Amino acid sequence: MTCPGGCIGGGGQPRFTTDDERKKRIEAIYKEDEGKKLRKSHDNSEVKILYKEFLEKPLGKKSHELLHTNIPKNLRYNCYY
């Protein structure tokens, strides 16, 4: 959607805010993220178990089939592929 500030401007639909409000929101989200013990999905122990016991390996056939989406061209809206 090319929201000003990206998703920081409001996930799903853009929020009509000022640049100052977006900057404050960016700072708050980064501060919150920096304080988290677990910050990356590939370090998540539950994700590791899911791959080990079910999906087998990242970028493997099963994970690709289950975790990726393929939208037919006739259903794409304003996409330039």
PDB file of N, CA and C in Angstrom:
ATOM      1  N   MET A   1       0.811  -1.193   0.000  1.00  0.00           N
ATOM      2  CA  MET A   1       0.000   0.000   0.000  1.00  0.00           C
ATOM      3  C   MET A   1       0.851   1.253   0.000  1.00  0.00           C
ATOM      4  N   THR A   2       2.114   1.099   0.157  1.00  0.00           N
ATOM      5  CA  THR A   2       3.051   2.226   0.201  1.00  0.00           C
ATOM      6  C   THR A   2       2.633   3.294   1.211  1.00  0.00           C
ATOM      7  N   CYS A   3       2.255   2.836   2.385  1.00  0.00           N
ATOM      8  CA  CYS A   3       1.872   3.768   3.446  1.00  0.00           C
ATOM      9  C   CYS A   3       3.086   4.587   3.861  1.00  0.00           C
ATOM     10  N   PRO A   4       2.906   5.864   4.167  1.00  0.00           N
ATOM     11  CA  PRO A   4       4.028   6.637   4.696  1.00  0.00           C
ATOM     12  C   PRO A   4       4.534   5.990   5.983  1.00  0.00           C
ATOM     13  N   GLY A   5       5.805   5.647   6.006  1.00  0.00           N
ATOM     14  CA  GLY A   5       6.358   4.968   7.171  1.00  0.00           C
ATOM     15  C   GLY A   5       6.165   3.464   7.115  1.00  0.00           C
ATOM     16  N   GLY A   6       5.614   2.944   6.010  1.00  0.00           N
ATOM     17  CA  GLY A   6       5.361   1.508   5.905  1.00  0.00           C
ATOM     18  C   GLY A   6       4.269   1.093   6.861  1.00  0.00           C
ATOM     19  N   CYS A   7       4.334  -0.121   7.370  1.00  0.00           N
ATOM     20  CA  CYS A   7       3.301  -0.621   8.276  1.00  0.00           C
ATOM     21  C   CYS A   7       3.277   0.137   9.595  1.00  0.00           C
ATOM     22  N   ILE A   8       4.302   0.871   9.859  1.00  0.00           N
ATOM     23  CA  ILE A   8       4.337   1.674  11.083  1.00  0.00           C
ATOM     24  C   ILE A   8       3.218   2.711  11.065  1.00  0.00           C
ATOM     25  N   GLY A   9       2.748   3.055   9.859  1.00  0.00           N
ATOM     26  CA  GLY A   9       1.658   4.001   9.713  1.00  0.00           C
ATOM     27  C   GLY A   9       0.309   3.375  10.000  1.00  0.00           C
ATOM     28  N   GLY A  10       0.251   2.087  10.272  1.00  0.00           N
ATOM     29  CA  GLY A  10      -0.987   1.396  10.584  1.00  0.00           C
ATOM     30  C   GLY A  10      -1.128   0.139   9.760  1.00  0.00           C
ATOM     31  N   GLY A  11      -1.032  -1.014  10.400  1.00  0.00           N
ATOM     32  CA  GLY A  11      -1.135  -2.281   9.689  1.00  0.00           C
ATOM     33  C   GLY A  11      -2.511  -2.452   9.061  1.00  0.00           C
ATOM     34  N   GLY A  12      -2.556  -2.877   7.826  1.00  0.00           N
ATOM     35  CA  GLY A  12      -3.819  -3.118   7.145  1.00  0.00           C
ATOM     36  C   GLY A  12      -4.347  -1.901   6.434  1.00  0.00           C
ATOM     37  N   GLN A  13      -4.601  -0.870   7.136  1.00  0.00           N
ATOM     38  CA  GLN A  13      -5.090   0.376   6.561  1.00  0.00           C
ATOM     39  C   GLN A  13      -4.244   1.516   7.110  1.00  0.00           C
ATOM     40  N   PRO A  14      -3.897   2.453   6.276  1.00  0.00           N
ATOM     41  CA  PRO A  14      -3.055   3.555   6.764  1.00  0.00           C
ATOM     42  C   PRO A  14      -3.786   4.429   7.767  1.00  0.00           C
ATOM     43  N   ARG A  15      -3.066   4.827   8.784  1.00  0.00           N
ATOM     44  CA  ARG A  15      -3.592   5.779   9.757  1.00  0.00           C
ATOM     45  C   ARG A  15      -3.214   7.171   9.288  1.00  0.00           C
ATOM     46  N   PHE A  16      -4.126   8.077   9.415  1.00  0.00           N
ATOM     47  CA  PHE A  16      -3.828   9.448   9.018  1.00  0.00           C
ATOM     48  C   PHE A  16      -3.185  10.149  10.208  1.00  0.00           C
ATOM     49  N   THR A  17      -1.860  10.193  10.184  1.00  0.00           N
ATOM     50  CA  THR A  17      -1.095  10.774  11.280  1.00  0.00           C
ATOM     51  C   THR A  17      -0.057  11.721  10.704  1.00  0.00           C
ATOM     52  N   THR A  18       0.589  12.414  11.602  1.00  0.00           N
ATOM     53  CA  THR A  18       1.659  13.313  11.180  1.00  0.00           C
ATOM     54  C   THR A  18       2.982  12.559  11.199  1.00  0.00           C
ATOM     55  N   ASP A  19       4.001  13.145  10.598  1.00  0.00           N
ATOM     56  CA  ASP A  19       5.328  12.522  10.630  1.00  0.00           C
ATOM     57  C   ASP A  19       5.846  12.426  12.056  1.00  0.00           C
ATOM     58  N   ASP A  20       5.551  13.416  12.893  1.00  0.00           N
ATOM     59  CA  ASP A  20       5.989  13.364  14.295  1.00  0.00           C
ATOM     60  C   ASP A  20       5.366  12.173  15.018  1.00  0.00           C
ATOM     61  N   GLU A  21       4.088  11.909  14.779  1.00  0.00           N
ATOM     62  CA  GLU A  21       3.431  10.764  15.415  1.00  0.00           C
ATOM     63  C   GLU A  21       4.037   9.450  14.921  1.00  0.00           C
ATOM     64  N   ARG A  22       4.330   9.372  13.632  1.00  0.00           N
ATOM     65  CA  ARG A  22       4.955   8.166  13.085  1.00  0.00           C
ATOM     66  C   ARG A  22       6.345   7.954  13.687  1.00  0.00           C
ATOM     67  N   LYS A  23       7.107   9.017  13.821  1.00  0.00           N
ATOM     68  CA  LYS A  23       8.452   8.895  14.406  1.00  0.00           C
ATOM     69  C   LYS A  23       8.374   8.402  15.847  1.00  0.00           C
ATOM     70  N   LYS A  24       7.413   8.910  16.612  1.00  0.00           N
ATOM     71  CA  LYS A  24       7.229   8.445  17.999  1.00  0.00           C
ATOM     72  C   LYS A  24       6.841   6.971  18.026  1.00  0.00           C
ATOM     73  N   ARG A  25       5.964   6.588  17.106  1.00  0.00           N
ATOM     74  CA  ARG A  25       5.535   5.188  17.033  1.00  0.00           C
ATOM     75  C   ARG A  25       6.713   4.289  16.665  1.00  0.00           C
ATOM     76  N   ILE A  26       7.524   4.714  15.706  1.00  0.00           N
ATOM     77  CA  ILE A  26       8.716   3.949  15.316  1.00  0.00           C
ATOM     78  C   ILE A  26       9.648   3.769  16.511  1.00  0.00           C
ATOM     79  N   GLU A  27       9.916   4.853  17.221  1.00  0.00           N
ATOM     80  CA  GLU A  27      10.800   4.778  18.391  1.00  0.00           C
ATOM     81  C   GLU A  27      10.239   3.824  19.441  1.00  0.00           C
ATOM     82  N   ALA A  28       8.950   3.892  19.695  1.00  0.00           N
ATOM     83  CA  ALA A  28       8.329   3.033  20.710  1.00  0.00           C
ATOM     84  C   ALA A  28       8.405   1.563  20.307  1.00  0.00           C
ATOM     85  N   ILE A  29       8.146   1.274  19.046  1.00  0.00           N
ATOM     86  CA  ILE A  29       8.178  -0.121  18.591  1.00  0.00           C
ATOM     87  C   ILE A  29       9.597  -0.676  18.626  1.00  0.00           C
ATOM     88  N   TYR A  30      10.577   0.111  18.196  1.00  0.00           N
ATOM     89  CA  TYR A  30      11.970  -0.352  18.262  1.00  0.00           C
ATOM     90  C   TYR A  30      12.407  -0.561  19.713  1.00  0.00           C
ATOM     91  N   LYS A  31      11.999   0.331  20.591  1.00  0.00           N
ATOM     92  CA  LYS A  31      12.358   0.189  22.007  1.00  0.00           C
ATOM     93  C   LYS A  31      11.738  -1.085  22.584  1.00  0.00           C
ATOM     94  N   GLU A  32      10.489  -1.328  22.261  1.00  0.00           N
ATOM     95  CA  GLU A  32       9.810  -2.543  22.721  1.00  0.00           C
ATOM     96  C   GLU A  32      10.515  -3.785  22.182  1.00  0.00           C
ATOM     97  N   ASP A  33      10.858  -3.775  20.908  1.00  0.00           N
ATOM     98  CA  ASP A  33      11.518  -4.914  20.278  1.00  0.00           C
ATOM     99  C   ASP A  33      12.883  -5.188  20.891  1.00  0.00           C
ATOM    100  N   GLU A  34      13.640  -4.141  21.154  1.00  0.00           N
ATOM    101  CA  GLU A  34      14.984  -4.317  21.716  1.00  0.00           C
ATOM    102  C   GLU A  34      14.953  -4.976  23.091  1.00  0.00           C
ATOM    103  N   GLY A  35      13.856  -4.820  23.816  1.00  0.00           N
ATOM    104  CA  GLY A  35      13.750  -5.397  25.148  1.00  0.00           C
ATOM    105  C   GLY A  35      13.291  -6.845  25.161  1.00  0.00           C
ATOM    106  N   LYS A  36      12.955  -7.383  24.020  1.00  0.00           N
ATOM    107  CA  LYS A  36      12.453  -8.757  23.947  1.00  0.00           C
ATOM    108  C   LYS A  36      13.599  -9.759  23.986  1.00  0.00           C
ATOM    109  N   LYS A  37      13.359 -10.848  24.697  1.00  0.00           N
ATOM    110  CA  LYS A  37      14.351 -11.921  24.770  1.00  0.00           C
ATOM    111  C   LYS A  37      14.412 -12.679  23.441  1.00  0.00           C
ATOM    112  N   LEU A  38      13.259 -12.932  22.858  1.00  0.00           N
ATOM    113  CA  LEU A  38      13.175 -13.643  21.597  1.00  0.00           C
ATOM    114  C   LEU A  38      12.709 -12.657  20.532  1.00  0.00           C
ATOM    115  N   ARG A  39      13.566 -12.390  19.548  1.00  0.00           N
ATOM    116  CA  ARG A  39      13.260 -11.371  18.550  1.00  0.00           C
ATOM    117  C   ARG A  39      13.188 -11.899  17.126  1.00  0.00           C
ATOM    118  N   LYS A  40      13.663 -13.099  16.893  1.00  0.00           N
ATOM    119  CA  LYS A  40      13.730 -13.622  15.525  1.00  0.00           C
ATOM    120  C   LYS A  40      13.006 -14.963  15.448  1.00  0.00           C
ATOM    121  N   SER A  41      12.156 -15.116  14.445  1.00  0.00           N
ATOM    122  CA  SER A  41      11.346 -16.332  14.339  1.00  0.00           C
ATOM    123  C   SER A  41      12.204 -17.595  14.237  1.00  0.00           C
ATOM    124  N   HIS A  42      13.337 -17.519  13.548  1.00  0.00           N
ATOM    125  CA  HIS A  42      14.158 -18.724  13.397  1.00  0.00           C
ATOM    126  C   HIS A  42      14.867 -19.115  14.695  1.00  0.00           C
ATOM    127  N   ASP A  43      14.824 -18.264  15.722  1.00  0.00           N
ATOM    128  CA  ASP A  43      15.370 -18.618  17.034  1.00  0.00           C
ATOM    129  C   ASP A  43      14.291 -19.148  17.978  1.00  0.00           C
ATOM    130  N   ASN A  44      13.043 -19.122  17.551  1.00  0.00           N
ATOM    131  CA  ASN A  44      11.922 -19.555  18.378  1.00  0.00           C
ATOM    132  C   ASN A  44      11.956 -21.072  18.525  1.00  0.00           C
ATOM    133  N   SER A  45      11.963 -21.558  19.760  1.00  0.00           N
ATOM    134  CA  SER A  45      12.070 -23.004  19.992  1.00  0.00           C
ATOM    135  C   SER A  45      10.875 -23.754  19.420  1.00  0.00           C
ATOM    136  N   GLU A  46       9.689 -23.168  19.429  1.00  0.00           N
ATOM    137  CA  GLU A  46       8.519 -23.835  18.866  1.00  0.00           C
ATOM    138  C   GLU A  46       8.611 -23.945  17.346  1.00  0.00           C
ATOM    139  N   VAL A  47       9.152 -22.947  16.706  1.00  0.00           N
ATOM    140  CA  VAL A  47       9.347 -23.005  15.257  1.00  0.00           C
ATOM    141  C   VAL A  47      10.385 -24.080  14.928  1.00  0.00           C
ATOM    142  N   LYS A  48      11.431 -24.164  15.727  1.00  0.00           N
ATOM    143  CA  LYS A  48      12.449 -25.194  15.512  1.00  0.00           C
ATOM    144  C   LYS A  48      11.843 -26.589  15.625  1.00  0.00           C
ATOM    145  N   ILE A  49      10.979 -26.787  16.627  1.00  0.00           N
ATOM    146  CA  ILE A  49      10.316 -28.085  16.805  1.00  0.00           C
ATOM    147  C   ILE A  49       9.404 -28.386  15.614  1.00  0.00           C
ATOM    148  N   LEU A  50       8.662 -27.381  15.158  1.00  0.00           N
ATOM    149  CA  LEU A  50       7.776 -27.557  14.011  1.00  0.00           C
ATOM    150  C   LEU A  50       8.555 -28.042  12.793  1.00  0.00           C
ATOM    151  N   TYR A  51       9.698 -27.437  12.537  1.00  0.00           N
ATOM    152  CA  TYR A  51      10.508 -27.872  11.396  1.00  0.00           C
ATOM    153  C   TYR A  51      11.097 -29.256  11.629  1.00  0.00           C
ATOM    154  N   LYS A  52      11.566 -29.507  12.809  1.00  0.00           N
ATOM    155  CA  LYS A  52      12.201 -30.803  13.093  1.00  0.00           C
ATOM    156  C   LYS A  52      11.196 -31.952  12.998  1.00  0.00           C
ATOM    157  N   GLU A  53       9.991 -31.739  13.550  1.00  0.00           N
ATOM    158  CA  GLU A  53       9.023 -32.829  13.639  1.00  0.00           C
ATOM    159  C   GLU A  53       8.029 -32.893  12.478  1.00  0.00           C
ATOM    160  N   PHE A  54       7.858 -31.809  11.733  1.00  0.00           N
ATOM    161  CA  PHE A  54       6.823 -31.827  10.711  1.00  0.00           C
ATOM    162  C   PHE A  54       7.274 -31.287   9.355  1.00  0.00           C
ATOM    163  N   LEU A  55       7.792 -30.086   9.328  1.00  0.00           N
ATOM    164  CA  LEU A  55       8.117 -29.451   8.051  1.00  0.00           C
ATOM    165  C   LEU A  55       9.440 -29.918   7.451  1.00  0.00           C
ATOM    166  N   GLU A  56      10.251 -30.560   8.246  1.00  0.00           N
ATOM    167  CA  GLU A  56      11.522 -31.160   7.846  1.00  0.00           C
ATOM    168  C   GLU A  56      12.659 -30.160   7.697  1.00  0.00           C
ATOM    169  N   LYS A  57      12.533 -29.166   6.809  1.00  0.00           N
ATOM    170  CA  LYS A  57      13.625 -28.205   6.669  1.00  0.00           C
ATOM    171  C   LYS A  57      13.101 -26.909   6.054  1.00  0.00           C
ATOM    172  N   PRO A  58      13.743 -25.784   6.403  1.00  0.00           N
ATOM    173  CA  PRO A  58      13.362 -24.512   5.780  1.00  0.00           C
ATOM    174  C   PRO A  58      13.567 -24.586   4.264  1.00  0.00           C
ATOM    175  N   LEU A  59      12.667 -23.999   3.529  1.00  0.00           N
ATOM    176  CA  LEU A  59      12.696 -23.966   2.067  1.00  0.00           C
ATOM    177  C   LEU A  59      12.521 -25.348   1.443  1.00  0.00           C
ATOM    178  N   GLY A  60      12.092 -26.315   2.265  1.00  0.00           N
ATOM    179  CA  GLY A  60      11.831 -27.651   1.742  1.00  0.00           C
ATOM    180  C   GLY A  60      10.494 -27.707   1.031  1.00  0.00           C
ATOM    181  N   LYS A  61      10.217 -28.847   0.419  1.00  0.00           N
ATOM    182  CA  LYS A  61       8.992 -29.014  -0.363  1.00  0.00           C
ATOM    183  C   LYS A  61       7.742 -28.845   0.503  1.00  0.00           C
ATOM    184  N   LYS A  62       7.713 -29.497   1.656  1.00  0.00           N
ATOM    185  CA  LYS A  62       6.530 -29.439   2.513  1.00  0.00           C
ATOM    186  C   LYS A  62       6.305 -28.028   3.058  1.00  0.00           C
ATOM    187  N   SER A  63       7.366 -27.380   3.515  1.00  0.00           N
ATOM    188  CA  SER A  63       7.197 -26.021   4.045  1.00  0.00           C
ATOM    189  C   SER A  63       6.775 -25.059   2.935  1.00  0.00           C
ATOM    190  N   HIS A  64       7.288 -25.270   1.731  1.00  0.00           N
ATOM    191  CA  HIS A  64       6.906 -24.409   0.608  1.00  0.00           C
ATOM    192  C   HIS A  64       5.424 -24.585   0.273  1.00  0.00           C
ATOM    193  N   GLU A  65       4.971 -25.824   0.226  1.00  0.00           N
ATOM    194  CA  GLU A  65       3.570 -26.100  -0.106  1.00  0.00           C
ATOM    195  C   GLU A  65       2.614 -25.532   0.940  1.00  0.00           C
ATOM    196  N   LEU A  66       2.987 -25.602   2.216  1.00  0.00           N
ATOM    197  CA  LEU A  66       2.080 -25.202   3.288  1.00  0.00           C
ATOM    198  C   LEU A  66       2.191 -23.738   3.695  1.00  0.00           C
ATOM    199  N   LEU A  67       3.345 -23.127   3.474  1.00  0.00           N
ATOM    200  CA  LEU A  67       3.560 -21.779   3.996  1.00  0.00           C
ATOM    201  C   LEU A  67       3.581 -20.689   2.924  1.00  0.00           C
ATOM    202  N   HIS A  68       3.495 -21.062   1.671  1.00  0.00           N
ATOM    203  CA  HIS A  68       3.531 -20.065   0.598  1.00  0.00           C
ATOM    204  C   HIS A  68       2.181 -19.986  -0.107  1.00  0.00           C
ATOM    205  N   THR A  69       1.888 -18.828  -0.627  1.00  0.00           N
ATOM    206  CA  THR A  69       0.633 -18.586  -1.313  1.00  0.00           C
ATOM    207  C   THR A  69       0.900 -18.301  -2.777  1.00  0.00           C
ATOM    208  N   ASN A  70       0.035 -18.803  -3.619  1.00  0.00           N
ATOM    209  CA  ASN A  70       0.129 -18.522  -5.042  1.00  0.00           C
ATOM    210  C   ASN A  70      -1.219 -17.961  -5.483  1.00  0.00           C
ATOM    211  N   ILE A  71      -1.259 -16.693  -5.811  1.00  0.00           N
ATOM    212  CA  ILE A  71      -2.494 -16.052  -6.229  1.00  0.00           C
ATOM    213  C   ILE A  71      -2.542 -16.052  -7.751  1.00  0.00           C
ATOM    214  N   PRO A  72      -3.577 -16.657  -8.327  1.00  0.00           N
ATOM    215  CA  PRO A  72      -3.682 -16.673  -9.794  1.00  0.00           C
ATOM    216  C   PRO A  72      -3.740 -15.255 -10.355  1.00  0.00           C
ATOM    217  N   LYS A  73      -3.143 -15.075 -11.515  1.00  0.00           N
ATOM    218  CA  LYS A  73      -3.068 -13.740 -12.103  1.00  0.00           C
ATOM    219  C   LYS A  73      -4.431 -13.082 -12.259  1.00  0.00           C
ATOM    220  N   ASN A  74      -5.460 -13.868 -12.578  1.00  0.00           N
ATOM    221  CA  ASN A  74      -6.771 -13.275 -12.787  1.00  0.00           C
ATOM    222  C   ASN A  74      -7.411 -12.788 -11.480  1.00  0.00           C
ATOM    223  N   LEU A  75      -6.852 -13.151 -10.333  1.00  0.00           N
ATOM    224  CA  LEU A  75      -7.385 -12.696  -9.048  1.00  0.00           C
ATOM    225  C   LEU A  75      -6.536 -11.599  -8.417  1.00  0.00           C
ATOM    226  N   ARG A  76      -5.422 -11.271  -9.020  1.00  0.00           N
ATOM    227  CA  ARG A  76      -4.543 -10.235  -8.474  1.00  0.00           C
ATOM    228  C   ARG A  76      -5.122  -8.864  -8.760  1.00  0.00           C
ATOM    229  N   TYR A  77      -5.009  -7.995  -7.810  1.00  0.00           N
ATOM    230  CA  TYR A  77      -5.523  -6.642  -7.953  1.00  0.00           C
ATOM    231  C   TYR A  77      -4.364  -5.671  -7.972  1.00  0.00           C
ATOM    232  N   ASN A  78      -4.176  -4.994  -9.071  1.00  0.00           N
ATOM    233  CA  ASN A  78      -3.119  -3.991  -9.202  1.00  0.00           C
ATOM    234  C   ASN A  78      -1.739  -4.514  -8.856  1.00  0.00           C
ATOM    235  N   CYS A  79      -1.470  -5.758  -9.161  1.00  0.00           N
ATOM    236  CA  CYS A  79      -0.145  -6.324  -8.906  1.00  0.00           C
ATOM    237  C   CYS A  79       0.630  -6.319 -10.214  1.00  0.00           C
ATOM    238  N   TYR A  80       1.883  -6.010 -10.117  1.00  0.00           N
ATOM    239  CA  TYR A  80       2.728  -5.936 -11.292  1.00  0.00           C
ATOM    240  C   TYR A  80       3.795  -7.006 -11.209  1.00  0.00           C
ATOM    241  N   TYR A  81       3.459  -8.216 -11.611  1.00  0.00           N
ATOM    242  CA  TYR A  81       4.378  -9.337 -11.563  1.00  0.00           C
ATOM    243  C   TYR A  81       4.927  -9.615 -12.925  1.00  0.00           C
TER     244      TYR A  81
END
